[in-house]
Amino acid sequence: MEFCPDCGAMLMPSNGKVKCRCGYEKSLTNDDIEEQYHMEGEKNPEMKVIVTDKNNVALPTTTITCYKCGGTKGYWWTVQTRSADEAPTNFIRCANCGNTWRSSN
């Protein structure tokens, strides 16, 4: 990564050159492009993709009593809904009917 010597902005590669919004340009050699700007993502043929649906939820479970259907299994998660100095909000979703509510904890 290079920065413009004129204005200090980051230089963006394009068509064998790095260009700045202030008009500065510099030509790049193939070695420069390979060394500084060629990026390759991780290749892992063994990586598995997890597909979830309504019947396969990747959330922790707890024992609950759903006030709508009477279900006894629920999924829970925590979200910081207010400022950082206040307690996070806990949510519960019934595994049977999908009813979601805030926990009273």
N, C-alpha and C. Protein backbone atom coordinates (compact mmCIF):
# COMPACT_ATOMS: atom_id res chain seq x y z
N MET A 1 0.85 -1.16 0.00
CA MET A 1 0.00 0.00 0.00
C MET A 1 0.90 1.23 0.00
N GLU A 2 0.53 2.17 -0.80
CA GLU A 2 1.29 3.41 -0.89
C GLU A 2 0.39 4.60 -0.66
N PHE A 3 1.02 5.70 -0.24
CA PHE A 3 0.30 6.94 0.00
C PHE A 3 0.87 8.03 -0.89
N CYS A 4 0.02 8.95 -1.27
CA CYS A 4 0.40 10.04 -2.16
C CYS A 4 1.43 10.96 -1.48
N PRO A 5 2.55 11.23 -2.16
CA PRO A 5 3.53 12.14 -1.57
C PRO A 5 3.06 13.60 -1.57
N ASP A 6 2.03 13.91 -2.37
CA ASP A 6 1.54 15.29 -2.44
C ASP A 6 0.51 15.60 -1.35
N CYS A 7 -0.50 14.70 -1.20
CA CYS A 7 -1.58 15.01 -0.26
C CYS A 7 -1.73 14.00 0.87
N GLY A 8 -1.04 12.84 0.79
CA GLY A 8 -1.10 11.85 1.85
C GLY A 8 -2.23 10.86 1.74
N ALA A 9 -3.07 10.93 0.71
CA ALA A 9 -4.19 10.00 0.54
C ALA A 9 -3.67 8.64 0.09
N MET A 10 -4.44 7.62 0.34
CA MET A 10 -4.07 6.27 -0.10
C MET A 10 -4.17 6.18 -1.62
N LEU A 11 -3.16 5.59 -2.23
CA LEU A 11 -3.14 5.43 -3.68
C LEU A 11 -3.85 4.14 -4.06
N MET A 12 -4.74 4.22 -5.04
CA MET A 12 -5.51 3.07 -5.48
C MET A 12 -4.97 2.56 -6.81
N PRO A 13 -4.70 1.23 -6.90
CA PRO A 13 -4.18 0.70 -8.16
C PRO A 13 -5.27 0.60 -9.22
N SER A 14 -4.88 0.91 -10.48
CA SER A 14 -5.80 0.81 -11.59
C SER A 14 -5.00 0.73 -12.88
N ASN A 15 -5.15 -0.36 -13.62
CA ASN A 15 -4.52 -0.53 -14.93
C ASN A 15 -3.01 -0.30 -14.92
N GLY A 16 -2.31 -0.91 -13.97
CA GLY A 16 -0.85 -0.82 -13.93
C GLY A 16 -0.31 0.47 -13.36
N LYS A 17 -1.16 1.28 -12.75
CA LYS A 17 -0.73 2.54 -12.14
C LYS A 17 -1.40 2.67 -10.78
N VAL A 18 -0.84 3.52 -9.93
CA VAL A 18 -1.54 3.95 -8.73
C VAL A 18 -1.93 5.40 -8.96
N LYS A 19 -3.17 5.71 -8.62
CA LYS A 19 -3.69 7.05 -8.88
C LYS A 19 -4.24 7.64 -7.60
N CYS A 20 -4.10 8.96 -7.50
CA CYS A 20 -4.63 9.70 -6.35
C CYS A 20 -5.71 10.65 -6.83
N ARG A 21 -6.60 10.99 -5.92
CA ARG A 21 -7.68 11.93 -6.28
C ARG A 21 -7.16 13.33 -6.57
N CYS A 22 -5.91 13.64 -6.10
CA CYS A 22 -5.36 14.97 -6.36
C CYS A 22 -4.68 15.07 -7.73
N GLY A 23 -4.58 13.92 -8.44
CA GLY A 23 -3.99 13.93 -9.77
C GLY A 23 -2.65 13.22 -9.87
N TYR A 24 -2.02 12.92 -8.75
CA TYR A 24 -0.73 12.22 -8.77
C TYR A 24 -0.90 10.82 -9.35
N GLU A 25 0.03 10.38 -10.20
CA GLU A 25 0.03 9.04 -10.77
C GLU A 25 1.43 8.48 -10.74
N LYS A 26 1.51 7.16 -10.60
CA LYS A 26 2.80 6.48 -10.64
C LYS A 26 2.59 5.14 -11.32
N SER A 27 3.46 4.81 -12.29
CA SER A 27 3.38 3.51 -12.97
C SER A 27 3.94 2.43 -12.06
N LEU A 28 3.35 1.24 -12.16
CA LEU A 28 3.80 0.09 -11.37
C LEU A 28 4.41 -0.96 -12.28
N THR A 29 5.45 -1.63 -11.79
CA THR A 29 6.00 -2.76 -12.52
C THR A 29 5.18 -3.99 -12.15
N ASN A 30 5.33 -5.06 -12.93
CA ASN A 30 4.63 -6.31 -12.61
C ASN A 30 5.05 -6.84 -11.25
N ASP A 31 6.32 -6.66 -10.89
CA ASP A 31 6.78 -7.10 -9.57
C ASP A 31 6.10 -6.31 -8.46
N ASP A 32 5.93 -4.99 -8.66
CA ASP A 32 5.23 -4.16 -7.67
C ASP A 32 3.79 -4.64 -7.48
N ILE A 33 3.13 -4.91 -8.59
CA ILE A 33 1.73 -5.35 -8.53
C ILE A 33 1.63 -6.68 -7.80
N GLU A 34 2.49 -7.62 -8.13
CA GLU A 34 2.46 -8.95 -7.50
C GLU A 34 2.78 -8.85 -6.01
N GLU A 35 3.77 -8.05 -5.66
CA GLU A 35 4.22 -7.96 -4.28
C GLU A 35 3.27 -7.17 -3.39
N GLN A 36 2.74 -6.06 -3.88
CA GLN A 36 1.97 -5.16 -3.02
C GLN A 36 0.46 -5.25 -3.18
N TYR A 37 -0.03 -5.63 -4.36
CA TYR A 37 -1.46 -5.51 -4.61
C TYR A 37 -2.17 -6.81 -4.97
N HIS A 38 -1.44 -7.89 -5.14
CA HIS A 38 -2.07 -9.17 -5.46
C HIS A 38 -2.48 -9.85 -4.16
N MET A 39 -3.76 -10.07 -3.99
CA MET A 39 -4.27 -10.72 -2.78
C MET A 39 -5.06 -11.94 -3.17
N GLU A 40 -4.85 -12.98 -2.43
CA GLU A 40 -5.53 -14.23 -2.72
C GLU A 40 -6.20 -14.71 -1.45
N GLY A 41 -7.45 -15.07 -1.53
CA GLY A 41 -8.17 -15.56 -0.37
C GLY A 41 -7.73 -16.96 0.02
N GLU A 42 -8.15 -17.35 1.20
CA GLU A 42 -7.82 -18.68 1.72
C GLU A 42 -8.54 -19.74 0.90
N LYS A 43 -7.80 -20.78 0.56
CA LYS A 43 -8.39 -21.89 -0.19
C LYS A 43 -8.38 -23.11 0.72
N ASN A 44 -9.55 -23.60 1.04
CA ASN A 44 -9.67 -24.77 1.89
C ASN A 44 -10.78 -25.65 1.34
N PRO A 45 -10.41 -26.67 0.55
CA PRO A 45 -11.45 -27.52 -0.05
C PRO A 45 -12.22 -28.34 0.98
N GLU A 46 -11.69 -28.47 2.19
CA GLU A 46 -12.36 -29.27 3.23
C GLU A 46 -13.37 -28.46 4.03
N MET A 47 -13.44 -27.14 3.79
CA MET A 47 -14.34 -26.30 4.56
C MET A 47 -15.79 -26.66 4.27
N LYS A 48 -16.56 -26.81 5.32
CA LYS A 48 -17.97 -27.17 5.20
C LYS A 48 -18.84 -25.95 5.44
N VAL A 49 -19.95 -25.87 4.75
CA VAL A 49 -20.93 -24.80 4.93
C VAL A 49 -22.08 -25.36 5.74
N ILE A 50 -22.43 -24.67 6.82
CA ILE A 50 -23.54 -25.12 7.67
C ILE A 50 -24.81 -24.43 7.20
N VAL A 51 -25.80 -25.21 6.84
CA VAL A 51 -27.09 -24.69 6.40
C VAL A 51 -28.08 -24.91 7.53
N THR A 52 -28.74 -23.83 7.94
CA THR A 52 -29.72 -23.96 9.01
C THR A 52 -31.10 -23.60 8.49
N ASP A 53 -32.11 -24.12 9.16
CA ASP A 53 -33.49 -23.79 8.83
C ASP A 53 -34.27 -23.75 10.14
N LYS A 54 -35.57 -23.68 10.05
CA LYS A 54 -36.40 -23.59 11.25
C LYS A 54 -36.20 -24.78 12.19
N ASN A 55 -35.89 -25.93 11.64
CA ASN A 55 -35.72 -27.13 12.45
C ASN A 55 -34.29 -27.34 12.93
N ASN A 56 -33.36 -26.52 12.45
CA ASN A 56 -31.95 -26.68 12.80
C ASN A 56 -31.39 -25.30 13.16
N VAL A 57 -31.66 -24.84 14.38
CA VAL A 57 -31.27 -23.51 14.81
C VAL A 57 -29.96 -23.58 15.58
N ALA A 58 -29.02 -22.68 15.27
CA ALA A 58 -27.71 -22.70 15.91
C ALA A 58 -27.66 -21.71 17.07
N LEU A 59 -28.59 -21.82 18.00
CA LEU A 59 -28.62 -20.97 19.19
C LEU A 59 -28.67 -21.87 20.42
N PRO A 60 -28.19 -21.38 21.57
CA PRO A 60 -28.30 -22.18 22.79
C PRO A 60 -29.76 -22.35 23.20
N THR A 61 -30.05 -23.42 23.89
CA THR A 61 -31.43 -23.71 24.30
C THR A 61 -31.57 -23.65 25.82
N THR A 62 -32.79 -23.48 26.26
CA THR A 62 -33.11 -23.47 27.68
C THR A 62 -34.52 -24.01 27.87
N THR A 63 -34.85 -24.36 29.08
CA THR A 63 -36.19 -24.82 29.41
C THR A 63 -37.05 -23.60 29.72
N ILE A 64 -38.18 -23.48 29.04
CA ILE A 64 -39.08 -22.34 29.19
C ILE A 64 -40.51 -22.82 29.24
N THR A 65 -41.43 -21.92 29.47
CA THR A 65 -42.86 -22.18 29.28
C THR A 65 -43.39 -21.05 28.42
N CYS A 66 -43.71 -21.37 27.16
CA CYS A 66 -44.21 -20.36 26.22
C CYS A 66 -45.63 -19.99 26.62
N TYR A 67 -45.90 -18.69 26.74
CA TYR A 67 -47.24 -18.23 27.14
C TYR A 67 -48.25 -18.34 26.02
N LYS A 68 -47.80 -18.60 24.77
CA LYS A 68 -48.76 -18.75 23.67
C LYS A 68 -49.15 -20.21 23.43
N CYS A 69 -48.15 -21.10 23.38
CA CYS A 69 -48.46 -22.49 23.01
C CYS A 69 -48.15 -23.49 24.12
N GLY A 70 -47.48 -23.05 25.18
CA GLY A 70 -47.12 -23.96 26.27
C GLY A 70 -45.87 -24.76 26.00
N GLY A 71 -45.14 -24.45 24.92
CA GLY A 71 -43.90 -25.17 24.59
C GLY A 71 -42.89 -25.06 25.71
N THR A 72 -42.00 -26.06 25.81
CA THR A 72 -41.05 -26.10 26.93
C THR A 72 -39.59 -25.95 26.51
N LYS A 73 -39.32 -25.81 25.22
CA LYS A 73 -37.94 -25.62 24.75
C LYS A 73 -37.84 -24.26 24.09
N GLY A 74 -36.81 -23.49 24.46
CA GLY A 74 -36.64 -22.16 23.89
C GLY A 74 -35.20 -21.88 23.52
N TYR A 75 -35.00 -21.05 22.52
CA TYR A 75 -33.68 -20.58 22.12
C TYR A 75 -33.48 -19.21 22.75
N TRP A 76 -32.26 -18.89 23.14
CA TRP A 76 -32.00 -17.58 23.75
C TRP A 76 -30.76 -16.93 23.16
N TRP A 77 -30.75 -15.58 23.19
CA TRP A 77 -29.60 -14.79 22.77
C TRP A 77 -29.66 -13.46 23.49
N THR A 78 -28.53 -12.76 23.50
CA THR A 78 -28.39 -11.49 24.20
C THR A 78 -28.02 -10.39 23.22
N VAL A 79 -28.64 -9.20 23.37
CA VAL A 79 -28.36 -8.05 22.51
C VAL A 79 -28.18 -6.82 23.39
N GLN A 80 -27.17 -6.01 23.09
CA GLN A 80 -26.96 -4.75 23.81
C GLN A 80 -27.88 -3.71 23.16
N THR A 81 -29.09 -3.54 23.68
CA THR A 81 -30.08 -2.65 23.06
C THR A 81 -30.02 -1.22 23.59
N ARG A 82 -29.37 -1.04 24.71
CA ARG A 82 -29.25 0.31 25.28
C ARG A 82 -27.78 0.69 25.35
N SER A 83 -27.45 1.72 26.09
CA SER A 83 -26.06 2.17 26.17
C SER A 83 -25.19 1.11 26.84
N ALA A 84 -23.89 1.22 26.65
CA ALA A 84 -22.96 0.19 27.11
C ALA A 84 -22.92 0.07 28.63
N ASP A 85 -23.31 1.11 29.37
CA ASP A 85 -23.26 1.01 30.83
C ASP A 85 -24.53 0.40 31.42
N GLU A 86 -25.46 -0.02 30.59
CA GLU A 86 -26.67 -0.70 31.07
C GLU A 86 -26.63 -2.17 30.68
N ALA A 87 -27.40 -2.96 31.39
CA ALA A 87 -27.41 -4.41 31.16
C ALA A 87 -27.95 -4.75 29.76
N PRO A 88 -27.42 -5.81 29.13
CA PRO A 88 -27.95 -6.23 27.83
C PRO A 88 -29.35 -6.83 27.97
N THR A 89 -30.06 -6.93 26.86
CA THR A 89 -31.40 -7.49 26.84
C THR A 89 -31.32 -8.94 26.39
N ASN A 90 -31.98 -9.83 27.13
CA ASN A 90 -32.03 -11.25 26.78
C ASN A 90 -33.34 -11.54 26.05
N PHE A 91 -33.25 -12.27 24.95
CA PHE A 91 -34.43 -12.65 24.19
C PHE A 91 -34.59 -14.17 24.23
N ILE A 92 -35.83 -14.62 24.18
CA ILE A 92 -36.15 -16.06 24.14
C ILE A 92 -37.13 -16.29 23.01
N ARG A 93 -36.91 -17.36 22.23
CA ARG A 93 -37.82 -17.74 21.15
C ARG A 93 -38.27 -19.18 21.39
N CYS A 94 -39.56 -19.39 21.39
CA CYS A 94 -40.12 -20.73 21.58
C CYS A 94 -39.76 -21.60 20.38
N ALA A 95 -39.20 -22.77 20.64
CA ALA A 95 -38.81 -23.69 19.57
C ALA A 95 -40.03 -24.30 18.89
N ASN A 96 -41.17 -24.30 19.56
CA ASN A 96 -42.38 -24.92 19.01
C ASN A 96 -43.12 -23.97 18.06
N CYS A 97 -43.42 -22.74 18.53
CA CYS A 97 -44.25 -21.85 17.72
C CYS A 97 -43.51 -20.62 17.18
N GLY A 98 -42.30 -20.37 17.64
CA GLY A 98 -41.54 -19.23 17.16
C GLY A 98 -41.84 -17.92 17.87
N ASN A 99 -42.71 -17.94 18.86
CA ASN A 99 -43.02 -16.74 19.64
C ASN A 99 -41.74 -16.23 20.30
N THR A 100 -41.49 -14.92 20.21
CA THR A 100 -40.27 -14.33 20.76
C THR A 100 -40.63 -13.26 21.76
N TRP A 101 -39.90 -13.23 22.89
CA TRP A 101 -40.11 -12.22 23.91
C TRP A 101 -38.82 -11.91 24.63
N ARG A 102 -38.85 -10.80 25.38
CA ARG A 102 -37.71 -10.39 26.19
C ARG A 102 -37.75 -11.14 27.51
N SER A 103 -36.60 -11.54 27.98
CA SER A 103 -36.51 -12.24 29.24
C SER A 103 -36.66 -11.24 30.39
N SER A 104 -37.20 -11.66 31.51
CA SER A 104 -37.37 -10.78 32.65
C SER A 104 -36.14 -10.72 33.54
N ASN A 105 -35.03 -11.36 33.13
CA ASN A 105 -33.81 -11.37 33.96
C ASN A 105 -33.12 -10.05 33.85
